[in-house]
Protein backbone atom coordinates (compact mmCIF):
# COMPACT_ATOMS: atom_id res chain seq x y z
CA MET A 1 -14.21 15.89 13.07
CA GLU A 2 -11.63 16.13 10.29
CA GLU A 3 -10.29 12.67 10.90
CA GLU A 4 -13.66 11.30 9.82
CA VAL A 5 -12.90 12.44 6.28
CA LEU A 6 -11.65 9.15 4.93
CA GLY A 7 -11.42 9.55 1.19
CA LYS A 8 -12.48 7.47 -1.77
CA ALA A 9 -10.88 4.32 -3.05
CA TYR A 10 -9.38 6.47 -5.80
CA ASP A 11 -9.39 10.23 -6.21
CA GLY A 12 -7.79 11.49 -9.41
CA ARG A 13 -7.24 14.99 -8.05
CA LEU A 14 -5.37 13.75 -4.99
CA MET A 15 -3.44 11.17 -6.99
CA ARG A 16 -2.20 13.83 -9.42
CA ARG A 17 -1.10 15.91 -6.46
CA LEU A 18 0.74 12.98 -4.91
CA LEU A 19 2.42 12.06 -8.18
CA GLN A 20 3.97 15.52 -8.27
CA TYR A 21 6.32 14.30 -5.54
CA MET A 22 7.36 11.36 -7.74
CA LYS A 23 8.22 13.50 -10.76
CA PRO A 24 11.81 14.25 -9.70
CA TYR A 25 12.41 10.49 -9.46
CA ARG A 26 10.53 9.35 -12.57
CA VAL A 27 13.66 7.75 -14.07
CA VAL A 28 14.11 5.62 -10.95
CA VAL A 29 10.42 4.67 -10.95
CA ALA A 30 10.61 3.65 -14.62
CA THR A 31 13.69 1.55 -13.90
CA SER A 32 11.90 -0.12 -11.01
CA LEU A 33 8.91 -0.91 -13.24
CA VAL A 34 11.20 -2.49 -15.85
CA LEU A 35 12.89 -4.61 -13.16
CA LEU A 36 9.48 -5.71 -11.87
CA LEU A 37 8.37 -6.82 -15.33
CA LEU A 38 11.62 -8.70 -15.83
CA ASP A 39 11.12 -10.41 -12.47
CA SER A 40 7.63 -11.49 -13.57
CA LEU A 41 9.03 -12.96 -16.75
CA VAL A 42 11.77 -14.80 -14.88
CA GLN A 43 9.20 -16.38 -12.57
CA ILE A 44 7.42 -17.75 -15.64
CA ILE A 45 10.58 -19.49 -16.85
CA GLY A 46 10.97 -21.90 -13.88
CA PRO A 47 7.96 -24.18 -14.58
CA LEU A 48 8.83 -24.27 -18.29
CA ILE A 49 12.31 -25.56 -17.43
CA THR A 50 10.70 -28.20 -15.22
CA LYS A 51 8.40 -29.22 -18.10
CA LEU A 52 11.37 -29.58 -20.43
CA ALA A 53 13.32 -31.68 -17.92
CA VAL A 54 10.40 -34.08 -17.39
CA ASP A 55 9.34 -34.47 -21.02
CA ARG A 56 12.86 -34.71 -22.46
CA TYR A 57 14.83 -36.67 -19.84
CA LEU A 58 12.76 -38.05 -16.93
CA VAL A 59 9.68 -39.35 -18.79
CA PRO A 60 10.39 -38.81 -22.51
CA ALA A 61 7.24 -37.99 -24.46
CA PRO A 62 7.04 -39.75 -27.84
CA HIS A 63 5.29 -36.95 -29.69
CA ARG A 64 6.85 -33.93 -27.97
CA ALA A 65 7.36 -30.88 -30.17
CA PRO A 66 10.93 -29.53 -30.13
CA GLY A 67 11.46 -26.36 -28.12
CA LEU A 68 13.81 -23.40 -28.34
CA LEU A 69 16.40 -24.96 -26.02
CA ASP A 70 16.49 -28.41 -27.60
CA PRO A 71 19.34 -27.65 -30.05
CA TYR A 72 21.54 -26.46 -27.16
CA LEU A 73 20.86 -29.34 -24.75
CA SER A 74 22.81 -32.59 -24.52
CA ASN A 75 21.21 -35.90 -25.46
CA ASP A 76 22.72 -37.49 -22.35
CA PRO A 77 20.10 -37.38 -19.55
CA TRP A 78 22.54 -36.65 -16.74
CA GLN A 79 24.32 -33.88 -18.59
CA GLY A 80 21.05 -32.45 -19.89
CA LEU A 81 19.51 -32.39 -16.39
CA THR A 82 22.65 -30.69 -15.10
CA GLU A 83 22.38 -28.03 -17.80
CA LEU A 84 18.71 -27.42 -17.02
CA SER A 85 19.46 -27.28 -13.29
CA LEU A 86 22.11 -24.63 -13.89
CA LEU A 87 19.68 -22.70 -16.08
CA PHE A 88 17.03 -22.90 -13.37
CA LEU A 89 19.58 -21.66 -10.80
CA VAL A 90 20.51 -18.74 -13.06
CA SER A 91 16.84 -17.80 -13.42
CA LEU A 92 16.45 -17.82 -9.64
CA LEU A 93 19.54 -15.64 -9.28
CA PHE A 94 18.28 -13.13 -11.82
CA GLY A 95 14.87 -13.16 -10.15
CA PHE A 96 16.50 -12.34 -6.83
CA LEU A 97 18.51 -9.48 -8.36
CA PHE A 98 15.50 -8.02 -10.17
CA ASN A 99 13.32 -8.26 -7.07
CA PHE A 100 15.99 -6.76 -4.82
CA GLY A 101 16.68 -3.92 -7.24
CA GLN A 102 13.02 -3.10 -7.66
CA ALA A 103 12.32 -3.14 -3.92
CA TYR A 104 15.41 -1.06 -3.13
CA LEU A 105 14.66 1.56 -5.76
CA MET A 106 11.02 1.96 -4.72
CA GLN A 107 11.87 2.16 -1.02
CA TRP A 108 14.51 4.76 -1.82
CA THR A 109 12.06 6.71 -3.98
CA GLY A 110 9.34 6.51 -1.34
CA GLN A 111 11.64 7.87 1.36
CA LYS A 112 12.82 10.68 -0.90
CA ALA A 113 9.26 11.65 -1.81
CA MET A 114 8.18 11.54 1.83
CA PHE A 115 11.15 13.72 2.79
CA ASP A 116 10.00 16.33 0.28
CA LEU A 117 6.39 16.05 1.46
CA ARG A 118 7.28 16.42 5.15
CA ARG A 119 9.46 19.43 4.33
CA ASP A 120 6.61 21.09 2.42
CA LEU A 121 4.18 20.28 5.22
CA MET A 122 6.45 21.84 7.83
CA THR A 123 6.94 24.94 5.69
CA HIS A 124 3.21 25.19 5.12
CA LEU A 125 2.30 24.76 8.79
CA GLN A 126 4.63 27.61 9.66
CA SER A 127 2.83 29.87 7.19
CA LEU A 128 -0.67 29.27 8.59
CA ASP A 129 -2.56 31.80 10.65
CA VAL A 130 -2.28 31.44 14.42
CA ALA A 131 -6.06 31.03 14.61
CA TYR A 132 -5.73 27.75 12.71
CA PHE A 133 -3.77 26.22 15.59
CA ASP A 134 -6.41 27.38 18.05
CA LYS A 135 -9.04 25.31 16.21
CA HIS A 136 -6.95 22.20 15.47
CA PRO A 137 -5.25 20.15 18.20
CA VAL A 138 -1.51 19.74 17.78
CA GLY A 139 -1.85 15.96 18.15
CA ARG A 140 -3.90 15.74 14.96
CA LEU A 141 -1.36 17.84 13.07
CA VAL A 142 1.43 15.59 14.31
CA THR A 143 -0.53 12.59 13.06
CA ARG A 144 -0.73 14.16 9.62
CA VAL A 145 2.98 14.86 9.40
CA THR A 146 4.04 11.45 10.74
CA THR A 147 1.52 8.60 10.53
CA ASP A 148 -0.42 9.79 7.47
CA VAL A 149 2.80 10.45 5.58
CA ASP A 150 3.97 6.91 6.42
CA VAL A 151 0.79 5.58 4.80
CA LEU A 152 1.72 7.43 1.62
CA ASN A 153 5.17 5.88 1.82
CA ASP A 154 3.48 2.46 1.71
CA LEU A 155 1.66 3.56 -1.43
CA PHE A 156 4.81 4.71 -3.21
CA ALA A 157 7.09 1.92 -2.00
CA SER A 158 4.78 -1.09 -2.35
CA GLY A 159 1.59 0.13 -3.99
CA LEU A 160 1.61 1.78 -7.38
CA VAL A 161 4.42 -0.11 -9.10
CA THR A 162 3.64 -3.47 -7.53
CA ILE A 163 0.01 -3.22 -8.68
CA ALA A 164 1.33 -3.13 -12.24
CA GLY A 165 3.63 -6.04 -11.39
CA ASP A 166 0.78 -8.16 -10.00
CA LEU A 167 -1.36 -7.49 -13.06
CA ALA A 168 1.53 -8.37 -15.35
CA MET A 169 2.26 -11.55 -13.39
CA LEU A 170 -1.39 -12.63 -13.53
CA SER A 171 -1.53 -11.94 -17.27
CA PHE A 172 1.68 -13.86 -17.99
CA VAL A 173 0.53 -16.85 -15.94
CA LEU A 174 -2.86 -16.95 -17.68
CA ILE A 175 -1.26 -16.77 -21.15
CA VAL A 176 1.23 -19.56 -20.46
CA MET A 177 -1.40 -21.75 -18.77
CA PHE A 178 -3.74 -21.36 -21.72
CA ARG A 179 -0.94 -22.27 -24.14
CA LEU A 180 -0.15 -25.39 -22.11
CA SER A 181 -3.72 -26.65 -21.59
CA PRO A 182 -6.91 -24.69 -22.30
CA GLY A 183 -9.01 -27.31 -20.45
CA MET A 184 -7.11 -27.09 -17.19
CA THR A 185 -7.00 -23.29 -17.51
CA GLY A 186 -10.80 -23.34 -17.69
CA LEU A 187 -10.92 -25.25 -14.40
CA MET A 188 -8.71 -22.66 -12.72
CA VAL A 189 -10.76 -19.78 -14.08
CA ALA A 190 -14.01 -21.49 -12.95
CA VAL A 191 -12.91 -21.14 -9.31
CA LEU A 192 -11.89 -17.51 -9.83
CA PRO A 193 -15.37 -15.97 -9.17
CA LEU A 194 -15.42 -17.51 -5.70
CA VAL A 195 -12.00 -16.00 -4.98
CA VAL A 196 -13.18 -12.63 -6.27
CA LEU A 197 -16.25 -12.71 -4.00
CA ALA A 198 -14.08 -13.57 -0.98
CA THR A 199 -11.70 -10.76 -1.93
CA ILE A 200 -14.52 -8.21 -2.19
CA GLN A 201 -15.86 -9.19 1.24
CA PHE A 202 -12.37 -9.05 2.72
CA ARG A 203 -11.77 -5.63 1.18
CA ARG A 204 -14.95 -4.25 2.76
CA SER A 205 -14.13 -5.66 6.20
CA ALA A 206 -10.50 -4.57 6.14
CA GLN A 207 -11.40 -1.15 4.77
CA GLN A 208 -13.90 -0.45 7.56
CA SER A 209 -11.44 -1.65 10.19
CA TYR A 210 -8.66 0.46 8.78
CA ARG A 211 -10.87 3.54 8.75
CA ARG A 212 -11.60 3.05 12.43
CA ILE A 213 -7.90 2.51 13.13
CA ARG A 214 -6.97 5.77 11.39
CA VAL A 215 -9.58 7.75 13.34
CA ALA A 216 -8.55 6.13 16.64
CA ILE A 217 -4.85 6.90 16.09
CA ALA A 218 -5.63 10.55 15.39
CA ARG A 219 -7.80 10.77 18.50
CA ILE A 220 -5.15 9.13 20.69
CA ASN A 221 -2.46 11.53 19.50
CA ALA A 222 -4.71 14.56 19.94
CA TYR A 223 -5.82 13.42 23.40
CA LEU A 224 -2.28 12.77 24.59
CA GLN A 225 -0.99 16.10 23.31
CA GLU A 226 -3.79 18.09 24.93
CA HIS A 227 -3.54 16.34 28.28
CA VAL A 228 0.24 16.32 28.49
CA ALA A 229 0.34 20.03 27.63
CA GLY A 230 -2.39 20.75 30.18
CA ILE A 231 -1.32 18.30 32.88
CA THR A 232 -1.05 21.08 35.47
CA VAL A 233 -4.62 22.28 34.90
CA MET A 234 -5.90 18.71 34.96
CA GLN A 235 -4.24 18.04 38.31
CA LEU A 236 -5.48 21.32 39.75
CA PHE A 237 -9.08 20.32 38.99
CA ASN A 238 -8.48 16.73 40.17
CA ARG A 239 -9.52 15.15 36.86
CA GLU A 240 -6.96 12.33 36.73
CA ALA A 241 -9.55 9.55 37.11
CA ARG A 242 -11.86 11.09 34.51
CA SER A 243 -8.93 11.47 32.11
CA ARG A 244 -7.93 7.84 32.54
CA GLU A 245 -11.46 6.69 31.78
CA GLU A 246 -11.65 8.81 28.63
CA PHE A 247 -8.27 7.60 27.40
CA ALA A 248 -9.21 3.98 28.13
CA ARG A 249 -12.31 4.39 25.97
CA ILE A 250 -10.33 5.84 23.04
CA ASN A 251 -7.62 3.22 23.43
CA ARG A 252 -10.21 0.44 23.45
CA GLU A 253 -11.71 1.73 20.20
CA HIS A 254 -8.26 1.44 18.64
CA MET A 255 -7.83 -2.09 19.99
CA ASP A 256 -11.27 -3.21 18.77
CA ALA A 257 -10.57 -1.85 15.30
CA TYR A 258 -7.30 -3.76 15.13
CA LYS A 259 -9.02 -6.94 16.31
CA ASP A 260 -11.56 -6.66 13.48
CA ALA A 261 -8.72 -6.19 10.98
CA ILE A 262 -6.94 -9.26 12.36
CA ILE A 263 -10.13 -11.31 12.02
CA ALA A 264 -10.53 -10.16 8.40
CA TYR A 265 -6.98 -11.18 7.52
CA GLY A 266 -7.39 -14.37 9.54
CA TRP A 267 -10.25 -15.75 7.44
CA PHE A 268 -9.29 -14.30 4.05
CA TYR A 269 -6.02 -16.10 3.39
CA PRO A 270 -7.28 -19.55 4.50
CA VAL A 271 -10.38 -19.14 2.30
CA VAL A 272 -8.31 -18.23 -0.75
CA GLU A 273 -5.93 -21.08 0.04
CA PHE A 274 -8.89 -23.48 0.24
CA PHE A 275 -10.22 -22.37 -3.15
CA GLY A 276 -6.72 -22.69 -4.60
CA MET A 277 -6.32 -26.22 -3.27
CA PHE A 278 -9.80 -27.09 -4.55
CA ALA A 279 -8.83 -25.90 -8.04
CA LEU A 280 -5.59 -27.89 -7.88
CA ALA A 281 -7.56 -30.99 -6.87
CA LEU A 282 -9.75 -30.54 -9.97
CA ILE A 283 -6.63 -30.14 -12.08
CA LEU A 284 -5.10 -33.26 -10.53
CA ALA A 285 -8.15 -35.34 -11.42
CA TYR A 286 -8.58 -33.89 -14.90
CA GLY A 287 -4.86 -33.95 -15.66
CA GLY A 288 -4.52 -37.55 -14.52
CA PHE A 289 -7.34 -38.57 -16.84
CA ARG A 290 -5.73 -36.69 -19.76
CA ILE A 291 -2.32 -38.25 -19.11
CA HIS A 292 -3.86 -41.72 -18.94
CA SER A 293 -5.54 -41.16 -22.32
CA GLY A 294 -2.28 -39.89 -23.84
CA ALA A 295 -3.61 -36.38 -24.56
CA LEU A 296 -1.31 -34.70 -22.07
CA THR A 297 2.33 -35.16 -21.12
CA LEU A 298 3.56 -35.42 -17.55
CA GLY A 299 5.84 -32.42 -18.04
CA VAL A 300 2.95 -30.18 -19.05
CA PHE A 301 0.97 -31.38 -16.04
CA VAL A 302 3.84 -30.68 -13.63
CA ALA A 303 4.43 -27.20 -15.09
CA PHE A 304 0.72 -26.40 -14.98
CA PHE A 305 0.54 -27.49 -11.35
CA GLN A 306 3.35 -25.08 -10.49
CA TYR A 307 1.57 -22.25 -12.29
CA GLY A 308 -1.61 -23.11 -10.41
CA LEU A 309 0.21 -22.58 -7.12
CA ARG A 310 1.14 -19.07 -8.28
CA PHE A 311 -2.19 -18.18 -9.87
CA PHE A 312 -4.03 -16.83 -6.81
CA ARG A 313 -1.06 -15.06 -5.23
CA PRO A 314 -1.39 -11.88 -7.36
CA ILE A 315 -5.10 -11.72 -6.54
CA GLN A 316 -4.33 -11.72 -2.82
CA ASP A 317 -1.68 -9.05 -3.35
CA LEU A 318 -4.07 -6.89 -5.38
CA SER A 319 -6.58 -6.96 -2.53
CA ASP A 320 -3.91 -5.71 -0.12
CA LYS A 321 -2.84 -3.05 -2.60
CA TYR A 322 -6.44 -1.85 -2.88
CA ASN A 323 -6.51 -1.27 0.88
CA ILE A 324 -3.19 0.59 0.65
CA LEU A 325 -4.61 2.75 -2.15
CA GLN A 326 -7.77 3.58 -0.22
CA SER A 327 -5.79 4.36 2.94
CA ALA A 328 -3.44 6.59 0.97
CA MET A 329 -6.39 8.52 -0.48
CA ALA A 330 -7.75 9.04 3.04
CA ALA A 331 -4.35 10.13 4.36
CA SER A 332 -3.74 12.52 1.46
CA GLU A 333 -7.18 14.08 2.01
CA ARG A 334 -6.20 14.86 5.60
CA ILE A 335 -2.69 15.98 4.68
CA PHE A 336 -3.77 18.43 1.99
CA ARG A 337 -6.75 19.75 3.96
CA PRO A 338 -4.66 22.44 5.77
CA SER A 339 -3.88 24.01 2.38
CA ARG A 340 -7.46 25.31 2.33
CA SER A 341 -6.85 27.12 5.62
CA ARG A 342 -4.26 29.60 4.44
CA PHE A 343 -4.29 32.95 6.15
CA GLN A 344 -6.60 35.24 4.14
CA GLY A 345 -6.63 38.23 6.49
CA GLY A 346 -5.62 41.78 5.66
CA ARG A 347 -3.27 44.18 7.34
CA TRP A 348 -3.82 44.90 11.04
CA ARG A 349 -2.84 47.87 13.13
CA LEU A 350 -1.96 48.33 16.76
CA SER A 351 -2.22 51.77 18.26
CA LEU A 352 -0.23 52.48 21.40
CA ILE A 353 -0.77 55.63 23.39
CA MET A 354 2.33 56.61 25.29
CA SER A 355 2.57 60.02 26.93
CA GLY A 356 -0.65 61.00 25.20
CA SER A 357 0.76 60.50 21.65
CA PRO A 358 -0.56 57.56 19.61
CA ILE A 359 1.99 55.32 17.87
CA THR A 360 0.64 53.19 15.01
CA MET A 361 2.23 49.84 14.12
CA LYS A 362 1.39 47.18 11.52
CA THR A 363 1.23 43.72 13.06
CA GLY A 364 -0.58 40.40 12.79
CA CYS A 365 -3.18 41.25 15.48
CA SER A 366 -6.85 41.13 14.59
CA ALA A 367 -8.04 44.31 16.32
CA MET A 368 -7.03 47.88 16.95
CA LEU A 369 -6.32 48.42 20.65
CA ARG A 370 -5.58 51.51 22.65
CA PHE A 371 -3.29 51.12 25.63
CA ALA A 372 -3.44 53.99 28.10
CA TRP A 373 -2.69 54.25 31.81
CA GLY A 374 -1.96 50.50 31.96
CA ARG A 375 -5.48 49.57 30.76
CA ALA A 376 -6.56 48.30 27.33
CA ARG A 377 -9.87 49.13 25.66
CA PRO A 378 -11.13 48.71 22.07
CA SER A 379 -10.62 51.77 19.89
CA ARG A 380 -13.62 53.50 18.37
């Protein structure tokens, strides 16, 4: 069955073919990538502002090194905190604008690319040989043009660009955390292998479940199309009960696959959250000891704690994006499969005998027939 062809996690040939639909919108994609990087940078600024507010005004550190904003801030605590609060609010506003712009542009680009893909698919399906539609149920073809294309929309709208954004966010957080405190950064990184192992196991479980979901959806659509189109024949042969049993079996396969996916998502996020809280508990103990010994300021500890809360979020997002990438490869394999079924036949002829005189016509039929006296027989 063609729906069992489920693709690799990454196929360069298929990806190059998919990216052809993004070429007309490459300027918009580049703009979206720039906005995503700016959003990542803005998210880094918030904890640094908090660190400055704590170390300069709330709990002044005696040996604090002057920062870039110190010459522009007031010495009065109330006025200085107001200035930092306004700066923090501005960073949140810019983060909202960058995030909104990036999401809007990628959704717009994804819909445009999918419009072009659906148009090409429809044009291509109309050019296929009639024999192709005899071998492939219409329900499966409908699944390709609708559901599989929607999976590709997920890849373009929230997959490719956001993968780069998650990697950039993780890199920025690691760099800033290491600059603030190499020791506490080591504690965070020590927990990272456990998160990676949980992510790998989740990816395998979710990937298998999603494969079963894709196959079940294609089977449901094909089954419904065939039985709705042939409802008269089914009723004539009194097969309603048998049809209900078969559909219930296919529908249950779809439900079981979704249940397995729900279970995978159900345990993954709590496990990652547990490891994250465990790492923060280690940081709390280590940071408290360092503050007590005077080797660490309270502002650095507060900022590092905020970065720790954001550290594992990109890893969770990357795991989801991997599933989107694998699903898109599977969907693109099914979508582009009809292109190998183009009509390769030659020219056909139809010979009609009317009043004893043969009339030859060129048509799309696959045999030469002679019609005489109301009866058809193969020509010799």
